[in-house]
Amino acid sequence: MIMNKQFNINFDVRSDKLNFSLFWLTGFADAESSFAVNIIKSGYNKLGWAVQSDFSIELHIKDLELLQNIKSHFGVGSIRIRIKNDVAKSAILSVRSVKDLLEIIIPHFDKYPLLTQKIRDFLLFK
């Protein structure tokens, strides 16, 4: 069996940093991310409504470090913690800036395409 090293994920014990390939990141996003376009109530325009685009990944709180590594790789977005009954349950990485979506997120998935049905969601999102 031929294995391409680009698809491996490694944990570098010396640096405590997660190293992942861009293909791995796309595969992970294929399973764990979502692309959404929401219409929200807004007081910022005359219509009272706004369109908000969002690329997000939500994981169990124990995987917060992985989300921080993904955020660090992209260099954009924000991470928020979802709390239920005063206990941190999950962490969510969100990229909502149209500029960041157009210049960073969309080009990543154009260059490293999704492989599942999620590509249809991405194409509609794009």
N, C-alpha and C. Protein backbone atom coordinates (compact mmCIF):
# COMPACT_ATOMS: atom_id res chain seq x y z
N MET A 1 0.84 -1.17 0.00
CA MET A 1 0.00 0.00 0.00
C MET A 1 0.89 1.24 0.00
N ILE A 2 0.60 2.18 -0.90
CA ILE A 2 1.36 3.42 -0.96
C ILE A 2 0.69 4.45 -0.06
N MET A 3 1.47 5.05 0.80
CA MET A 3 0.90 6.05 1.70
C MET A 3 1.60 7.39 1.46
N ASN A 4 0.83 8.40 1.16
CA ASN A 4 1.36 9.73 0.95
C ASN A 4 1.52 10.40 2.30
N LYS A 5 2.71 10.86 2.61
CA LYS A 5 2.98 11.47 3.91
C LYS A 5 2.14 12.71 4.17
N GLN A 6 1.67 13.37 3.11
CA GLN A 6 0.85 14.56 3.28
C GLN A 6 -0.45 14.27 4.02
N PHE A 7 -0.91 13.05 3.99
CA PHE A 7 -2.19 12.71 4.60
C PHE A 7 -2.05 12.30 6.06
N ASN A 8 -0.84 12.25 6.57
CA ASN A 8 -0.64 11.83 7.95
C ASN A 8 -0.84 12.98 8.91
N ILE A 9 -1.25 12.66 10.12
CA ILE A 9 -1.32 13.64 11.19
C ILE A 9 -0.34 13.18 12.26
N ASN A 10 0.46 14.09 12.75
CA ASN A 10 1.50 13.74 13.71
C ASN A 10 1.39 14.61 14.94
N PHE A 11 1.83 14.06 16.06
CA PHE A 11 1.96 14.87 17.26
C PHE A 11 3.43 14.95 17.56
N ASP A 12 3.97 16.14 17.52
CA ASP A 12 5.39 16.35 17.77
C ASP A 12 5.58 16.54 19.27
N VAL A 13 6.08 15.52 19.93
CA VAL A 13 6.23 15.53 21.38
C VAL A 13 7.19 16.63 21.82
N ARG A 14 8.19 16.92 21.00
CA ARG A 14 9.17 17.93 21.38
C ARG A 14 8.58 19.33 21.47
N SER A 15 7.62 19.65 20.59
CA SER A 15 7.10 21.01 20.57
C SER A 15 5.68 21.12 21.10
N ASP A 16 5.05 19.98 21.41
CA ASP A 16 3.65 19.97 21.84
C ASP A 16 2.74 20.66 20.84
N LYS A 17 3.09 20.63 19.58
CA LYS A 17 2.25 21.25 18.54
C LYS A 17 1.73 20.17 17.61
N LEU A 18 0.50 20.33 17.22
CA LEU A 18 -0.10 19.41 16.28
C LEU A 18 0.28 19.83 14.88
N ASN A 19 0.83 18.92 14.09
CA ASN A 19 1.19 19.21 12.71
C ASN A 19 0.25 18.43 11.81
N PHE A 20 -0.42 19.13 10.90
CA PHE A 20 -1.32 18.43 10.01
C PHE A 20 -1.15 18.96 8.60
N SER A 21 -1.47 18.11 7.64
CA SER A 21 -1.38 18.53 6.26
C SER A 21 -2.65 19.25 5.86
N LEU A 22 -2.58 19.98 4.79
CA LEU A 22 -3.75 20.72 4.31
C LEU A 22 -4.81 19.76 3.78
N PHE A 23 -4.39 18.60 3.27
CA PHE A 23 -5.37 17.59 2.85
C PHE A 23 -6.09 17.01 4.06
N TRP A 24 -5.34 16.78 5.14
CA TRP A 24 -5.96 16.28 6.37
C TRP A 24 -6.98 17.29 6.88
N LEU A 25 -6.62 18.57 6.85
CA LEU A 25 -7.52 19.62 7.32
C LEU A 25 -8.82 19.62 6.53
N THR A 26 -8.74 19.45 5.21
CA THR A 26 -9.95 19.37 4.39
C THR A 26 -10.77 18.14 4.76
N GLY A 27 -10.12 17.01 4.95
CA GLY A 27 -10.84 15.79 5.34
C GLY A 27 -11.52 15.96 6.69
N PHE A 28 -10.83 16.59 7.61
CA PHE A 28 -11.42 16.84 8.92
C PHE A 28 -12.63 17.76 8.78
N ALA A 29 -12.48 18.81 7.99
CA ALA A 29 -13.60 19.74 7.75
C ALA A 29 -14.75 19.04 7.06
N ASP A 30 -14.44 18.09 6.17
CA ASP A 30 -15.48 17.32 5.48
C ASP A 30 -16.39 16.63 6.50
N ALA A 31 -15.80 16.17 7.59
CA ALA A 31 -16.56 15.45 8.61
C ALA A 31 -17.16 16.37 9.67
N GLU A 32 -16.45 17.41 10.04
CA GLU A 32 -16.82 18.16 11.25
C GLU A 32 -17.26 19.62 11.04
N SER A 33 -17.19 20.15 9.83
CA SER A 33 -17.50 21.57 9.64
C SER A 33 -18.87 21.78 9.03
N SER A 34 -19.26 23.04 9.00
CA SER A 34 -20.48 23.41 8.28
C SER A 34 -20.28 24.75 7.59
N PHE A 35 -20.99 24.91 6.49
CA PHE A 35 -21.03 26.16 5.76
C PHE A 35 -22.47 26.63 5.84
N ALA A 36 -22.68 27.85 6.30
CA ALA A 36 -24.05 28.33 6.47
C ALA A 36 -24.18 29.77 6.00
N VAL A 37 -25.35 30.08 5.49
CA VAL A 37 -25.72 31.44 5.17
C VAL A 37 -27.02 31.70 5.91
N ASN A 38 -26.99 32.64 6.83
CA ASN A 38 -28.14 32.93 7.69
C ASN A 38 -28.69 34.32 7.41
N ILE A 39 -29.98 34.45 7.51
CA ILE A 39 -30.62 35.76 7.44
C ILE A 39 -30.99 36.11 8.88
N ILE A 40 -30.44 37.22 9.36
CA ILE A 40 -30.62 37.60 10.76
C ILE A 40 -31.25 38.98 10.87
N LYS A 41 -31.95 39.19 11.95
CA LYS A 41 -32.54 40.49 12.24
C LYS A 41 -31.40 41.45 12.58
N SER A 42 -31.43 42.63 11.98
CA SER A 42 -30.34 43.57 12.16
C SER A 42 -30.86 45.00 12.20
N GLY A 43 -30.29 45.78 13.06
CA GLY A 43 -30.64 47.20 13.12
C GLY A 43 -29.67 48.07 12.35
N TYR A 44 -28.77 47.44 11.59
CA TYR A 44 -27.73 48.17 10.90
C TYR A 44 -28.11 48.64 9.50
N ASN A 45 -29.28 48.25 9.02
CA ASN A 45 -29.69 48.72 7.70
C ASN A 45 -31.18 49.03 7.70
N LYS A 46 -31.65 49.66 6.63
CA LYS A 46 -33.05 50.09 6.55
C LYS A 46 -34.03 48.93 6.48
N LEU A 47 -33.59 47.81 5.95
CA LEU A 47 -34.48 46.65 5.83
C LEU A 47 -34.70 45.94 7.16
N GLY A 48 -33.76 46.07 8.07
CA GLY A 48 -33.88 45.39 9.35
C GLY A 48 -33.40 43.96 9.34
N TRP A 49 -32.83 43.53 8.23
CA TRP A 49 -32.32 42.16 8.09
C TRP A 49 -30.93 42.20 7.46
N ALA A 50 -30.14 41.19 7.73
CA ALA A 50 -28.80 41.09 7.15
C ALA A 50 -28.50 39.63 6.82
N VAL A 51 -27.57 39.44 5.91
CA VAL A 51 -27.12 38.09 5.54
C VAL A 51 -25.77 37.86 6.22
N GLN A 52 -25.64 36.74 6.89
CA GLN A 52 -24.41 36.41 7.59
C GLN A 52 -23.92 35.04 7.12
N SER A 53 -22.72 35.01 6.55
CA SER A 53 -22.10 33.75 6.12
C SER A 53 -21.21 33.24 7.25
N ASP A 54 -21.13 31.91 7.37
CA ASP A 54 -20.38 31.33 8.48
C ASP A 54 -19.79 29.98 8.10
N PHE A 55 -18.49 29.85 8.29
CA PHE A 55 -17.81 28.56 8.23
C PHE A 55 -17.50 28.22 9.67
N SER A 56 -17.90 27.03 10.14
CA SER A 56 -17.64 26.71 11.54
C SER A 56 -17.33 25.23 11.73
N ILE A 57 -16.61 24.99 12.82
CA ILE A 57 -16.30 23.64 13.28
C ILE A 57 -16.61 23.61 14.77
N GLU A 58 -17.47 22.68 15.19
CA GLU A 58 -17.79 22.53 16.60
C GLU A 58 -17.31 21.17 17.08
N LEU A 59 -16.54 21.20 18.17
CA LEU A 59 -15.98 19.97 18.75
C LEU A 59 -16.21 19.95 20.25
N HIS A 60 -16.09 18.77 20.83
CA HIS A 60 -16.15 18.63 22.28
C HIS A 60 -15.06 19.51 22.89
N ILE A 61 -15.31 20.02 24.05
CA ILE A 61 -14.38 20.94 24.71
C ILE A 61 -12.99 20.32 24.89
N LYS A 62 -12.92 19.00 25.02
CA LYS A 62 -11.60 18.36 25.19
C LYS A 62 -10.73 18.52 23.94
N ASP A 63 -11.35 18.88 22.80
CA ASP A 63 -10.60 19.07 21.56
C ASP A 63 -10.34 20.54 21.25
N LEU A 64 -10.40 21.38 22.27
CA LEU A 64 -10.17 22.81 22.10
C LEU A 64 -8.81 23.10 21.47
N GLU A 65 -7.78 22.37 21.89
CA GLU A 65 -6.43 22.61 21.37
C GLU A 65 -6.38 22.39 19.85
N LEU A 66 -7.10 21.38 19.37
CA LEU A 66 -7.15 21.14 17.93
C LEU A 66 -7.77 22.33 17.22
N LEU A 67 -8.87 22.85 17.75
CA LEU A 67 -9.50 24.04 17.14
C LEU A 67 -8.55 25.23 17.16
N GLN A 68 -7.80 25.39 18.24
CA GLN A 68 -6.84 26.48 18.32
C GLN A 68 -5.75 26.33 17.25
N ASN A 69 -5.34 25.10 16.99
CA ASN A 69 -4.34 24.85 15.93
C ASN A 69 -4.91 25.17 14.55
N ILE A 70 -6.16 24.80 14.32
CA ILE A 70 -6.80 25.08 13.03
C ILE A 70 -6.95 26.59 12.86
N LYS A 71 -7.39 27.28 13.90
CA LYS A 71 -7.52 28.74 13.86
C LYS A 71 -6.16 29.38 13.59
N SER A 72 -5.14 28.87 14.25
CA SER A 72 -3.79 29.38 14.06
C SER A 72 -3.33 29.19 12.61
N HIS A 73 -3.65 28.03 12.04
CA HIS A 73 -3.28 27.77 10.65
C HIS A 73 -3.93 28.78 9.71
N PHE A 74 -5.24 28.94 9.84
CA PHE A 74 -5.96 29.87 8.96
C PHE A 74 -5.63 31.33 9.30
N GLY A 75 -5.36 31.61 10.56
CA GLY A 75 -5.06 32.98 10.97
C GLY A 75 -6.29 33.87 11.04
N VAL A 76 -7.47 33.29 11.02
CA VAL A 76 -8.72 34.06 11.08
C VAL A 76 -9.74 33.31 11.93
N GLY A 77 -10.81 34.00 12.26
CA GLY A 77 -11.91 33.38 12.98
C GLY A 77 -11.83 33.62 14.48
N SER A 78 -12.81 33.10 15.16
CA SER A 78 -12.86 33.22 16.61
C SER A 78 -13.36 31.90 17.19
N ILE A 79 -12.96 31.64 18.41
CA ILE A 79 -13.40 30.43 19.11
C ILE A 79 -14.24 30.86 20.30
N ARG A 80 -15.41 30.25 20.40
CA ARG A 80 -16.25 30.50 21.58
C ARG A 80 -16.57 29.15 22.23
N ILE A 81 -16.86 29.23 23.51
CA ILE A 81 -17.15 28.03 24.30
C ILE A 81 -18.65 27.96 24.55
N ARG A 82 -19.24 26.82 24.27
CA ARG A 82 -20.67 26.61 24.55
C ARG A 82 -20.78 25.97 25.94
N ILE A 83 -21.55 26.62 26.80
CA ILE A 83 -21.70 26.16 28.18
C ILE A 83 -23.14 25.71 28.40
N LYS A 84 -23.29 24.57 29.04
CA LYS A 84 -24.61 24.05 29.39
C LYS A 84 -24.58 23.63 30.84
N ASN A 85 -25.54 24.13 31.62
CA ASN A 85 -25.59 23.82 33.06
C ASN A 85 -24.27 24.16 33.75
N ASP A 86 -23.70 25.31 33.42
CA ASP A 86 -22.45 25.81 34.00
C ASP A 86 -21.23 24.93 33.71
N VAL A 87 -21.32 24.08 32.68
CA VAL A 87 -20.20 23.22 32.31
C VAL A 87 -19.88 23.47 30.84
N ALA A 88 -18.60 23.68 30.54
CA ALA A 88 -18.17 23.86 29.15
C ALA A 88 -18.37 22.54 28.42
N LYS A 89 -19.16 22.56 27.36
CA LYS A 89 -19.49 21.34 26.62
C LYS A 89 -18.77 21.24 25.29
N SER A 90 -18.69 22.37 24.57
CA SER A 90 -18.06 22.31 23.26
C SER A 90 -17.38 23.64 22.94
N ALA A 91 -16.52 23.58 21.94
CA ALA A 91 -15.82 24.76 21.45
C ALA A 91 -16.16 24.90 19.97
N ILE A 92 -16.37 26.14 19.54
CA ILE A 92 -16.78 26.39 18.16
C ILE A 92 -15.84 27.41 17.54
N LEU A 93 -15.22 27.00 16.45
CA LEU A 93 -14.42 27.91 15.63
C LEU A 93 -15.34 28.44 14.55
N SER A 94 -15.46 29.77 14.46
CA SER A 94 -16.31 30.39 13.43
C SER A 94 -15.52 31.42 12.65
N VAL A 95 -15.74 31.41 11.35
CA VAL A 95 -15.20 32.46 10.48
C VAL A 95 -16.40 33.09 9.81
N ARG A 96 -16.64 34.37 10.11
CA ARG A 96 -17.82 35.06 9.58
C ARG A 96 -17.46 36.26 8.72
N SER A 97 -16.26 36.73 8.81
CA SER A 97 -15.85 37.89 8.02
C SER A 97 -15.89 37.53 6.53
N VAL A 98 -16.62 38.31 5.75
CA VAL A 98 -16.71 38.04 4.31
C VAL A 98 -15.31 38.08 3.69
N LYS A 99 -14.50 39.03 4.11
CA LYS A 99 -13.12 39.14 3.60
C LYS A 99 -12.33 37.86 3.89
N ASP A 100 -12.41 37.38 5.13
CA ASP A 100 -11.68 36.15 5.50
C ASP A 100 -12.22 34.93 4.76
N LEU A 101 -13.52 34.88 4.60
CA LEU A 101 -14.11 33.76 3.85
C LEU A 101 -13.64 33.78 2.40
N LEU A 102 -13.65 34.96 1.78
CA LEU A 102 -13.27 35.08 0.37
C LEU A 102 -11.77 34.91 0.13
N GLU A 103 -10.96 35.37 1.07
CA GLU A 103 -9.51 35.36 0.85
C GLU A 103 -8.79 34.14 1.44
N ILE A 104 -9.41 33.47 2.41
CA ILE A 104 -8.70 32.38 3.09
C ILE A 104 -9.47 31.07 3.05
N ILE A 105 -10.70 31.05 3.52
CA ILE A 105 -11.45 29.79 3.64
C ILE A 105 -11.82 29.22 2.27
N ILE A 106 -12.45 30.01 1.44
CA ILE A 106 -12.86 29.53 0.11
C ILE A 106 -11.66 29.10 -0.73
N PRO A 107 -10.58 29.91 -0.80
CA PRO A 107 -9.42 29.44 -1.57
C PRO A 107 -8.83 28.12 -1.06
N HIS A 108 -8.87 27.91 0.28
CA HIS A 108 -8.36 26.64 0.81
C HIS A 108 -9.15 25.46 0.22
N PHE A 109 -10.50 25.56 0.24
CA PHE A 109 -11.31 24.44 -0.23
C PHE A 109 -11.37 24.37 -1.75
N ASP A 110 -11.02 25.45 -2.43
CA ASP A 110 -10.85 25.37 -3.89
C ASP A 110 -9.58 24.59 -4.23
N LYS A 111 -8.52 24.83 -3.46
CA LYS A 111 -7.23 24.17 -3.72
C LYS A 111 -7.19 22.74 -3.19
N TYR A 112 -7.85 22.50 -2.05
CA TYR A 112 -7.89 21.18 -1.42
C TYR A 112 -9.37 20.79 -1.29
N PRO A 113 -9.99 20.29 -2.35
CA PRO A 113 -11.44 20.11 -2.38
C PRO A 113 -11.97 19.04 -1.43
N LEU A 114 -13.18 19.31 -0.96
CA LEU A 114 -13.92 18.36 -0.15
C LEU A 114 -14.27 17.15 -0.99
N LEU A 115 -14.44 15.99 -0.36
CA LEU A 115 -14.67 14.75 -1.10
C LEU A 115 -16.07 14.17 -0.91
N THR A 116 -16.79 14.61 0.09
CA THR A 116 -18.11 14.04 0.36
C THR A 116 -19.19 14.96 -0.22
N GLN A 117 -20.42 14.66 0.13
CA GLN A 117 -21.55 15.49 -0.32
C GLN A 117 -21.43 16.93 0.16
N LYS A 118 -20.58 17.16 1.15
CA LYS A 118 -20.41 18.52 1.67
C LYS A 118 -19.88 19.47 0.60
N ILE A 119 -19.28 18.94 -0.45
CA ILE A 119 -18.80 19.82 -1.51
C ILE A 119 -19.97 20.58 -2.14
N ARG A 120 -21.14 19.98 -2.17
CA ARG A 120 -22.31 20.68 -2.69
C ARG A 120 -22.69 21.85 -1.79
N ASP A 121 -22.62 21.63 -0.49
CA ASP A 121 -22.87 22.74 0.45
C ASP A 121 -21.87 23.85 0.24
N PHE A 122 -20.61 23.46 0.08
CA PHE A 122 -19.55 24.46 -0.14
C PHE A 122 -19.79 25.24 -1.41
N LEU A 123 -20.15 24.56 -2.50
CA LEU A 123 -20.37 25.25 -3.76
C LEU A 123 -21.55 26.22 -3.67
N LEU A 124 -22.61 25.83 -2.98
CA LEU A 124 -23.72 26.76 -2.76
C LEU A 124 -23.29 27.93 -1.89
N PHE A 125 -22.51 27.64 -0.87
CA PHE A 125 -21.99 28.66 0.04
C PHE A 125 -21.12 29.65 -0.72
N LYS A 126 -20.25 29.11 -1.56
CA LYS A 126 -19.30 29.93 -2.33
C LYS A 126 -20.06 30.83 -3.29
